[in-house]
Amino acid sequence: MRAYDLIQKKRDGAALSAGEIAWLVDGFVGGLVPDYQMAAFLMAVYFRGMTPEETAALTWAMVRSGETLDLGPLARDAVDKHSSGGVGDKTSLVLVPLVASAGVPVPKLSGRGLGHTGGTLDKLEAIPGFSTALSEAAFVEQIGRIGCAIAGQSAALVPADARLYALRDVTATVDSVPLIASSIMSKKLAVGSSAILLDVKCGRGAFMKTEADARILAEAMVAIGRAAGRRTAAVISAMDHPLGRAVGNALEVAEAIATLRGEGPQDLEGLCLALGGWMLMLGGRSASPEEGSEELLRRLRSGDALRKFEALIRAQGGDPRVVEDPERLPSAPCRLPVPAPASGVVAGIDAEAIGLAAMQLGAGRARKGEAVDPAVGVVIKRSAGVVVKAREHLATIHARSEEAGLAAARQVAAAFAIAESAPAEVPVIRGVIRW
């Protein structure tokens, strides 16, 4: 078998067998297939696509490129969760302890932020002392002991994905549905949960800009999960506006804590309850997602979810006192208001523009490996549909310096659209695709 022949076959629109795909991935990871040939193959996939069978074969080849997690008896009831990312998306910080408080084990391997989207690991590391580096044994033990864990992915888990993504990143082949779906699902299958809930974002602040594209990706990932024998569902949710009010690592942790108290923004709480309802159903703890959401609302109101988050922080070396006193989280020295330029109604808030402003403040990174500032970010004061008066504060900038804050304030002001009338209300959840 030669890489040349497989590249040519895909270039000409033919489907590859599972054996051919496995040979190609193994050869790439093992150094027998050079970067330039794999780059050519990725470009052929970008233009020619893959059949569902090819995408599933690529996913499993990536899973088999490294180690997998053995959750033991916990795997039967465990539910993994993935979000395709967005601006202000702190759902994992709320969902993991919330769902675990209802008795469903939640093993969560997360990533770091890049560009205008934040990363769960960066947010959690804003908590003093919190460690996201857990060994496989410690990760599994913690799930058995408290019901949940959130950690970074080890280099031994799906190494093919890291190498392929690095190549896609420099060859303009990132936005290919089969390659995105196999990248995400290979990591989910390697964790070993019997069920997977996917939150696929669409809109200006999301990777998939349209609902139609998000649906295509969701269907591809659910098909992979189904073929792998995993109970899988995908919720398509809107990311035109920032989720919640806070954008920035420590700011989002504080908002997650408020949400776990039952005091968070309605859009964030509503989405978490809806996603969590599906997780409870997938985990066999409720007969329907609606019943699951009702159970989780009770967990919020009783304080069970907040106590579980405190247990998670404590288990991973963080300061649990932030739960009662979020002022212990890092804070920026400069806070600048963003005034409304005119009276009217907030017709829209460009999520991507807000995310980019937060990134330039230091809350995110333009390139992998860059450090982030846990304290800086943006807090939205007036959401879409709200009536505002001229000079009324639309947002607050949390910055390291006045100069950086003023630059961000200009960006954030431009992200707000002020109109004479309120926009039509659009639901956050656009659809659900299930096994």
Protein backbone atom coordinates (compact mmCIF):
# COMPACT_ATOMS: atom_id res chain seq x y z
CA MET A 1 0.00 0.00 0.00
CA ARG A 2 1.28 3.48 -0.87
CA ALA A 3 0.18 6.89 0.43
CA TYR A 4 0.39 8.16 -3.15
CA ASP A 5 -2.29 5.74 -4.31
CA LEU A 6 -4.64 6.62 -1.42
CA ILE A 7 -4.22 10.34 -2.05
CA GLN A 8 -4.97 9.82 -5.72
CA LYS A 9 -8.00 7.66 -4.93
CA LYS A 10 -9.51 10.29 -2.64
CA ARG A 11 -8.58 13.09 -5.04
CA ASP A 12 -10.60 11.34 -7.73
CA GLY A 13 -13.65 11.04 -5.46
CA ALA A 14 -13.48 7.34 -4.57
CA ALA A 15 -14.15 6.04 -1.06
CA LEU A 16 -11.33 4.50 0.95
CA SER A 17 -11.73 1.29 2.93
CA ALA A 18 -11.37 1.18 6.70
CA GLY A 19 -8.11 -0.70 6.24
CA GLU A 20 -6.70 1.93 3.91
CA ILE A 21 -7.60 4.75 6.27
CA ALA A 22 -6.12 2.90 9.25
CA TRP A 23 -2.90 2.29 7.31
CA LEU A 24 -2.64 5.96 6.40
CA VAL A 25 -3.22 7.22 9.98
CA ASP A 26 -0.87 4.63 11.48
CA GLY A 27 1.78 5.53 8.93
CA PHE A 28 1.44 9.24 9.64
CA VAL A 29 1.71 8.80 13.42
CA GLY A 30 4.57 6.32 12.99
CA GLY A 31 6.55 8.60 10.67
CA LEU A 32 6.21 6.48 7.51
CA VAL A 33 3.80 8.93 5.85
CA PRO A 34 5.38 12.42 5.71
CA ASP A 35 3.57 15.65 6.47
CA TYR A 36 3.44 16.72 2.82
CA GLN A 37 1.57 13.57 1.79
CA MET A 38 -0.87 13.76 4.69
CA ALA A 39 -1.43 17.45 3.87
CA ALA A 40 -2.31 16.43 0.30
CA PHE A 41 -4.72 13.82 1.63
CA LEU A 42 -6.39 16.36 3.94
CA MET A 43 -6.86 18.75 1.03
CA ALA A 44 -8.39 15.94 -1.03
CA VAL A 45 -10.83 15.25 1.84
CA TYR A 46 -11.58 18.97 2.09
CA PHE A 47 -12.74 19.06 -1.53
CA ARG A 48 -14.12 15.54 -1.96
CA GLY A 49 -15.54 14.89 1.51
CA MET A 50 -15.97 11.49 3.11
CA THR A 51 -18.78 8.98 3.32
CA PRO A 52 -20.21 8.27 6.80
CA GLU A 53 -18.35 4.94 6.73
CA GLU A 54 -15.05 6.66 5.91
CA THR A 55 -15.59 9.26 8.64
CA ALA A 56 -16.28 6.52 11.21
CA ALA A 57 -13.19 4.61 10.04
CA LEU A 58 -11.03 7.75 10.36
CA THR A 59 -12.41 8.35 13.84
CA TRP A 60 -11.57 4.84 15.04
CA ALA A 61 -8.13 4.94 13.42
CA MET A 62 -7.44 8.10 15.43
CA VAL A 63 -8.76 6.49 18.64
CA ARG A 64 -6.47 3.48 18.13
CA SER A 65 -3.43 5.73 17.61
CA GLY A 66 -3.00 6.03 21.38
CA GLU A 67 -4.31 5.05 24.77
CA THR A 68 -7.95 5.01 25.85
CA LEU A 69 -9.42 5.64 29.28
CA ASP A 70 -10.78 2.67 31.17
CA LEU A 71 -13.63 3.91 33.35
CA GLY A 72 -14.46 0.39 34.49
CA PRO A 73 -18.00 -0.09 35.85
CA LEU A 74 -18.52 3.70 35.74
CA ALA A 75 -18.57 3.65 31.92
CA ARG A 76 -22.07 2.15 31.80
CA ASP A 77 -23.72 5.22 33.36
CA ALA A 78 -21.19 7.94 32.49
CA VAL A 79 -22.16 10.75 30.12
CA ASP A 80 -19.54 12.83 28.35
CA LYS A 81 -20.27 16.35 27.12
CA HIS A 82 -18.72 18.46 24.38
CA SER A 83 -19.36 22.01 23.23
CA SER A 84 -18.10 23.31 19.91
CA GLY A 85 -17.21 26.54 21.70
CA GLY A 86 -18.28 30.14 21.72
CA VAL A 87 -18.09 33.45 23.51
CA GLY A 88 -18.96 33.34 27.20
CA ASP A 89 -19.59 29.59 26.96
CA LYS A 90 -19.05 28.47 30.54
CA THR A 91 -21.62 25.67 30.33
CA SER A 92 -19.15 22.95 31.36
CA LEU A 93 -18.45 24.76 34.63
CA VAL A 94 -22.16 24.59 35.42
CA LEU A 95 -23.18 21.34 33.75
CA VAL A 96 -20.50 19.00 35.09
CA PRO A 97 -21.28 19.54 38.80
CA LEU A 98 -25.01 20.00 38.11
CA VAL A 99 -25.41 16.67 36.32
CA ALA A 100 -23.07 14.89 38.75
CA SER A 101 -25.20 16.15 41.65
CA ALA A 102 -28.08 14.11 40.19
CA GLY A 103 -26.03 10.91 40.25
CA VAL A 104 -24.77 10.73 36.66
CA PRO A 105 -20.95 10.34 36.42
CA VAL A 106 -19.40 13.02 34.18
CA PRO A 107 -15.84 12.48 32.92
CA LYS A 108 -14.80 15.66 31.11
CA LEU A 109 -11.58 16.15 29.17
CA SER A 110 -11.39 19.77 28.07
CA GLY A 111 -9.16 22.06 26.06
CA ARG A 112 -7.74 25.56 26.10
CA GLY A 113 -9.07 28.60 24.34
CA LEU A 114 -7.81 29.78 20.98
CA GLY A 115 -8.83 32.96 19.19
CA HIS A 116 -12.14 34.51 20.24
CA THR A 117 -13.46 31.38 22.00
CA GLY A 118 -12.58 30.59 25.62
CA GLY A 119 -11.28 27.30 26.97
CA THR A 120 -12.65 25.44 29.99
CA LEU A 121 -9.17 24.67 31.34
CA ASP A 122 -8.17 28.35 31.26
CA LYS A 123 -11.32 29.25 33.16
CA LEU A 124 -10.83 26.64 35.86
CA GLU A 125 -7.18 27.60 36.30
CA ALA A 126 -8.36 31.09 37.26
CA ILE A 127 -9.35 29.44 40.56
CA PRO A 128 -6.28 29.67 42.82
CA GLY A 129 -4.56 26.28 43.08
CA PHE A 130 -6.88 24.42 40.67
CA SER A 131 -5.00 21.69 38.77
CA THR A 132 -6.24 20.45 35.41
CA ALA A 133 -3.38 17.95 35.11
CA LEU A 134 -4.66 14.61 36.38
CA SER A 135 -3.20 11.19 35.72
CA GLU A 136 -5.55 8.62 34.22
CA ALA A 137 -5.72 6.79 37.55
CA ALA A 138 -6.46 10.01 39.48
CA PHE A 139 -9.07 11.05 36.91
CA VAL A 140 -10.97 7.75 37.16
CA GLU A 141 -10.64 7.60 40.95
CA GLN A 142 -12.05 11.10 41.33
CA ILE A 143 -15.08 10.27 39.17
CA GLY A 144 -15.75 7.24 41.34
CA ARG A 145 -15.38 9.29 44.52
CA ILE A 146 -17.27 12.53 43.74
CA GLY A 147 -18.93 11.76 40.39
CA CYS A 148 -17.04 14.15 38.13
CA ALA A 149 -13.66 15.43 36.99
CA ILE A 150 -12.47 18.05 34.49
CA ALA A 151 -8.93 17.72 33.19
CA GLY A 152 -6.72 18.26 30.18
CA GLN A 153 -6.16 15.58 27.61
CA SER A 154 -2.89 13.68 27.96
CA ALA A 155 -0.51 13.45 25.00
CA ALA A 156 -1.02 9.68 24.98
CA LEU A 157 -4.75 10.01 24.25
CA VAL A 158 -5.54 10.19 20.51
CA PRO A 159 -2.10 11.51 19.44
CA ALA A 160 -3.19 11.33 15.80
CA ASP A 161 -5.70 14.12 16.45
CA ALA A 162 -3.10 16.55 17.78
CA ARG A 163 -0.81 15.91 14.81
CA LEU A 164 -3.59 16.07 12.24
CA TYR A 165 -5.04 19.26 13.71
CA ALA A 166 -1.64 20.98 13.66
CA LEU A 167 -1.37 20.10 9.97
CA ARG A 168 -4.94 21.20 9.22
CA ASP A 169 -4.26 24.50 10.97
CA VAL A 170 -1.47 25.42 8.53
CA THR A 171 -3.02 23.97 5.35
CA ALA A 172 -6.45 25.72 5.39
CA THR A 173 -8.28 22.43 5.95
CA VAL A 174 -9.73 23.06 9.41
CA ASP A 175 -13.31 23.70 8.28
CA SER A 176 -14.09 20.28 6.81
CA VAL A 177 -17.05 18.49 8.39
CA PRO A 178 -15.57 14.94 8.26
CA LEU A 179 -12.30 16.19 9.74
CA ILE A 180 -14.03 18.23 12.46
CA ALA A 181 -16.40 15.38 13.34
CA SER A 182 -13.64 12.75 13.52
CA SER A 183 -11.44 15.07 15.61
CA ILE A 184 -14.15 15.71 18.19
CA MET A 185 -15.58 12.21 18.31
CA SER A 186 -12.22 10.44 18.48
CA LYS A 187 -11.58 12.16 21.81
CA LYS A 188 -15.09 11.40 23.05
CA LEU A 189 -14.83 7.69 22.14
CA ALA A 190 -11.38 7.44 23.74
CA VAL A 191 -12.81 8.55 27.09
CA GLY A 192 -15.04 5.46 27.22
CA SER A 193 -18.40 6.88 28.33
CA SER A 194 -21.45 4.98 27.14
CA ALA A 195 -23.28 8.21 26.25
CA ILE A 196 -22.27 11.54 24.68
CA LEU A 197 -24.09 14.89 24.61
CA LEU A 198 -22.90 17.39 22.00
CA ASP A 199 -23.66 21.13 22.12
CA VAL A 200 -23.11 22.37 18.58
CA LYS A 201 -23.06 26.17 18.38
CA CYS A 202 -24.13 28.23 15.39
CA GLY A 203 -23.96 31.97 14.73
CA ARG A 204 -21.44 34.80 14.54
CA GLY A 205 -19.56 33.76 17.66
CA ALA A 206 -19.40 30.08 16.69
CA PHE A 207 -17.19 28.07 14.37
CA MET A 208 -20.26 27.01 12.36
CA LYS A 209 -21.81 30.30 11.25
CA THR A 210 -25.16 28.98 10.04
CA GLU A 211 -27.74 26.65 11.52
CA ALA A 212 -27.62 24.53 8.38
CA ASP A 213 -23.86 23.97 8.71
CA ALA A 214 -24.22 23.22 12.43
CA ARG A 215 -26.87 20.63 11.65
CA ILE A 216 -24.64 18.92 9.09
CA LEU A 217 -21.83 18.69 11.65
CA ALA A 218 -24.19 17.50 14.39
CA GLU A 219 -25.63 14.78 12.16
CA ALA A 220 -22.12 13.60 11.24
CA MET A 221 -21.06 13.33 14.89
CA VAL A 222 -24.26 11.62 16.02
CA ALA A 223 -23.80 9.10 13.19
CA ILE A 224 -20.29 8.32 14.45
CA GLY A 225 -21.58 7.87 17.98
CA ARG A 226 -24.39 5.63 16.78
CA ALA A 227 -21.98 3.49 14.73
CA ALA A 228 -19.77 3.15 17.82
CA GLY A 229 -22.67 1.94 19.94
CA ARG A 230 -22.76 5.07 22.10
CA ARG A 231 -26.02 6.79 23.02
CA THR A 232 -25.47 10.17 21.39
CA ALA A 233 -27.49 13.36 21.03
CA ALA A 234 -26.61 16.80 19.68
CA VAL A 235 -28.28 20.05 20.68
CA ILE A 236 -27.89 22.91 18.21
CA SER A 237 -27.72 26.20 20.12
CA ALA A 238 -27.35 29.84 19.11
CA MET A 239 -24.12 31.79 19.53
CA ASP A 240 -24.97 35.11 17.86
CA HIS A 241 -24.77 36.91 21.22
CA PRO A 242 -22.38 36.07 24.08
CA LEU A 243 -23.77 33.39 26.39
CA GLY A 244 -24.53 34.91 29.77
CA ARG A 245 -22.96 38.26 30.62
CA ALA A 246 -19.31 37.51 31.46
CA VAL A 247 -16.53 36.95 28.91
CA GLY A 248 -13.15 36.26 30.50
CA ASN A 249 -11.78 33.48 32.66
CA ALA A 250 -12.26 34.52 36.31
CA LEU A 251 -15.34 36.55 35.34
CA GLU A 252 -16.92 33.44 33.83
CA VAL A 253 -16.09 31.34 36.89
CA ALA A 254 -17.87 33.91 39.05
CA GLU A 255 -20.89 33.80 36.73
CA ALA A 256 -20.90 29.99 36.80
CA ILE A 257 -20.95 30.11 40.61
CA ALA A 258 -23.85 32.57 40.52
CA THR A 259 -25.70 30.24 38.14
CA LEU A 260 -25.13 27.27 40.44
CA ARG A 261 -26.67 29.42 43.19
CA GLY A 262 -29.74 29.90 41.01
CA GLU A 263 -28.80 33.54 40.47
CA GLY A 264 -27.30 33.39 36.99
CA PRO A 265 -28.43 34.88 33.67
CA GLN A 266 -31.58 33.29 32.30
CA ASP A 267 -30.07 32.29 28.96
CA LEU A 268 -27.17 30.46 30.61
CA GLU A 269 -29.33 28.73 33.22
CA GLY A 270 -31.93 27.76 30.62
CA LEU A 271 -29.36 26.26 28.26
CA CYS A 272 -27.64 24.34 31.07
CA LEU A 273 -30.93 22.90 32.28
CA ALA A 274 -31.85 21.86 28.74
CA LEU A 275 -28.46 20.28 28.02
CA GLY A 276 -28.40 18.66 31.44
CA GLY A 277 -31.88 17.22 30.88
CA TRP A 278 -30.57 15.38 27.84
CA MET A 279 -27.55 14.17 29.82
CA LEU A 280 -29.78 12.72 32.53
CA MET A 281 -31.88 10.93 29.92
CA LEU A 282 -28.78 9.61 28.13
CA GLY A 283 -27.48 8.41 31.49
CA GLY A 284 -30.72 6.57 32.26
CA ARG A 285 -31.69 8.82 35.18
CA SER A 286 -34.80 10.30 33.58
CA ALA A 287 -37.42 9.15 31.08
CA SER A 288 -37.24 12.37 29.06
CA PRO A 289 -35.06 15.47 28.78
CA GLU A 290 -37.91 17.55 30.23
CA GLU A 291 -38.06 15.33 33.30
CA GLY A 292 -34.28 15.57 33.60
CA SER A 293 -34.39 19.37 33.43
CA GLU A 294 -36.96 19.48 36.23
CA GLU A 295 -34.75 17.27 38.40
CA LEU A 296 -31.74 19.51 37.76
CA LEU A 297 -33.72 22.63 38.61
CA ARG A 298 -34.43 21.04 41.99
CA ARG A 299 -30.70 20.36 42.39
CA LEU A 300 -29.97 24.02 41.69
CA ARG A 301 -32.56 25.25 44.16
CA SER A 302 -31.47 22.84 46.90
CA GLY A 303 -27.79 23.83 46.66
CA ASP A 304 -26.68 20.30 45.69
CA ALA A 305 -25.11 21.50 42.44
CA LEU A 306 -23.14 24.27 44.15
CA ARG A 307 -21.84 21.85 46.77
CA LYS A 308 -20.75 19.48 44.01
CA PHE A 309 -18.79 22.29 42.34
CA GLU A 310 -17.11 23.01 45.67
CA ALA A 311 -16.22 19.31 45.95
CA LEU A 312 -14.78 19.39 42.42
CA ILE A 313 -12.62 22.42 43.23
CA ARG A 314 -11.41 20.84 46.47
CA ALA A 315 -10.61 17.51 44.78
CA GLN A 316 -8.43 19.20 42.17
CA GLY A 317 -6.47 21.37 44.59
CA GLY A 318 -8.35 24.63 44.13
CA ASP A 319 -9.42 27.07 46.81
CA PRO A 320 -13.03 26.05 47.64
CA ARG A 321 -13.61 29.38 49.39
CA VAL A 322 -14.24 31.02 45.99
CA VAL A 323 -17.68 29.38 46.04
CA GLU A 324 -18.75 31.51 49.00
CA ASP A 325 -16.49 34.44 48.17
CA PRO A 326 -15.89 34.93 44.43
CA GLU A 327 -13.88 38.05 45.30
CA ARG A 328 -11.01 35.62 45.93
CA LEU A 329 -10.79 35.12 42.17
CA PRO A 330 -8.24 37.24 40.27
CA SER A 331 -9.45 40.75 39.46
CA ALA A 332 -8.17 43.39 37.04
CA PRO A 333 -7.03 46.80 38.35
CA CYS A 334 -8.86 48.89 35.70
CA ARG A 335 -12.60 48.90 35.10
CA LEU A 336 -13.99 51.10 32.35
CA PRO A 337 -17.63 51.59 31.33
CA VAL A 338 -18.80 51.34 27.73
CA PRO A 339 -21.49 54.04 27.23
CA ALA A 340 -24.36 53.70 24.76
CA PRO A 341 -23.88 56.08 21.81
CA ALA A 342 -27.63 56.78 21.54
CA SER A 343 -30.98 55.93 23.05
CA GLY A 344 -32.92 52.95 21.70
CA VAL A 345 -33.10 49.19 22.00
CA VAL A 346 -30.16 46.79 21.94
CA ALA A 347 -30.91 45.02 18.67
CA GLY A 348 -27.86 42.76 18.75
CA ILE A 349 -24.45 42.07 20.27
CA ASP A 350 -21.79 40.69 17.95
CA ALA A 351 -20.43 37.72 19.91
CA GLU A 352 -17.31 37.37 17.79
CA ALA A 353 -16.39 41.04 18.23
CA ILE A 354 -16.82 40.76 22.02
CA GLY A 355 -14.69 37.62 22.04
CA LEU A 356 -11.94 39.29 20.03
CA ALA A 357 -11.96 42.30 22.38
CA ALA A 358 -11.57 39.98 25.38
CA MET A 359 -8.76 38.12 23.60
CA GLN A 360 -6.87 41.34 22.92
CA LEU A 361 -7.22 42.27 26.59
CA GLY A 362 -5.38 39.03 27.35
CA ALA A 363 -8.28 36.71 28.19
CA GLY A 364 -7.55 34.54 25.15
CA ARG A 365 -4.65 33.61 22.93
CA ALA A 366 -3.93 34.23 19.25
CA ARG A 367 -1.52 31.27 19.08
CA LYS A 368 -1.29 28.01 20.97
CA GLY A 369 0.99 28.12 23.99
CA GLU A 370 0.48 31.79 24.80
CA ALA A 371 -0.32 32.68 28.41
CA VAL A 372 -3.70 34.15 29.30
CA ASP A 373 -4.61 36.74 31.93
CA PRO A 374 -7.26 35.19 34.21
CA ALA A 375 -8.55 38.55 35.46
CA VAL A 376 -9.39 40.54 32.32
CA GLY A 377 -12.49 40.47 30.15
CA VAL A 378 -15.85 42.03 29.41
CA VAL A 379 -19.11 42.01 31.38
CA ILE A 380 -22.27 42.78 29.40
CA LYS A 381 -24.63 45.08 31.28
CA ARG A 382 -27.43 45.44 28.72
CA SER A 383 -28.50 42.39 26.73
CA ALA A 384 -30.36 42.16 23.43
CA GLY A 385 -33.91 43.50 23.56
CA VAL A 386 -33.24 45.88 26.46
CA VAL A 387 -34.13 49.58 26.18
CA VAL A 388 -31.16 51.89 26.84
CA LYS A 389 -30.62 55.62 27.12
CA ALA A 390 -27.69 57.53 25.61
CA ARG A 391 -24.55 57.25 27.80
CA GLU A 392 -26.08 54.40 29.81
CA HIS A 393 -23.51 51.65 30.41
CA LEU A 394 -23.68 48.80 27.90
CA ALA A 395 -20.74 46.87 29.34
CA THR A 396 -17.78 47.07 31.70
CA ILE A 397 -14.21 46.41 30.59
CA HIS A 398 -11.87 44.67 33.06
CA ALA A 399 -8.31 45.50 31.96
CA ARG A 400 -4.70 45.59 33.13
CA SER A 401 -4.22 49.17 31.99
CA GLU A 402 -6.37 52.12 31.05
CA GLU A 403 -4.85 52.15 27.57
CA ALA A 404 -5.82 48.51 26.95
CA GLY A 405 -9.24 49.13 28.47
CA LEU A 406 -9.98 52.12 26.24
CA ALA A 407 -9.03 50.17 23.11
CA ALA A 408 -11.29 47.31 24.16
CA ALA A 409 -14.11 49.72 25.02
CA ARG A 410 -14.11 51.03 21.45
CA GLN A 411 -14.33 47.49 20.09
CA VAL A 412 -17.11 46.52 22.47
CA ALA A 413 -19.12 49.67 21.73
CA ALA A 414 -18.99 48.83 18.02
CA ALA A 415 -20.28 45.32 18.77
CA PHE A 416 -23.62 46.69 20.05
CA ALA A 417 -26.36 47.48 17.54
CA ILE A 418 -28.81 50.10 18.83
CA ALA A 419 -32.14 50.34 16.99
CA GLU A 420 -35.55 51.95 17.39
CA SER A 421 -37.40 48.70 18.05
CA ALA A 422 -36.68 45.36 19.68
CA PRO A 423 -35.58 42.47 17.46
CA ALA A 424 -37.67 39.33 17.10
CA GLU A 425 -36.89 36.92 19.92
CA VAL A 426 -34.94 33.90 18.71
CA PRO A 427 -34.76 30.71 20.81
CA VAL A 428 -31.33 29.65 22.07
CA ILE A 429 -31.95 26.00 21.18
CA ARG A 430 -32.48 25.55 17.44
CA GLY A 431 -32.93 21.79 17.27
CA VAL A 432 -31.92 18.39 18.59
CA ILE A 433 -30.47 15.41 16.73
CA ARG A 434 -30.40 12.08 18.52
CA TRP A 435 -29.37 8.50 17.94
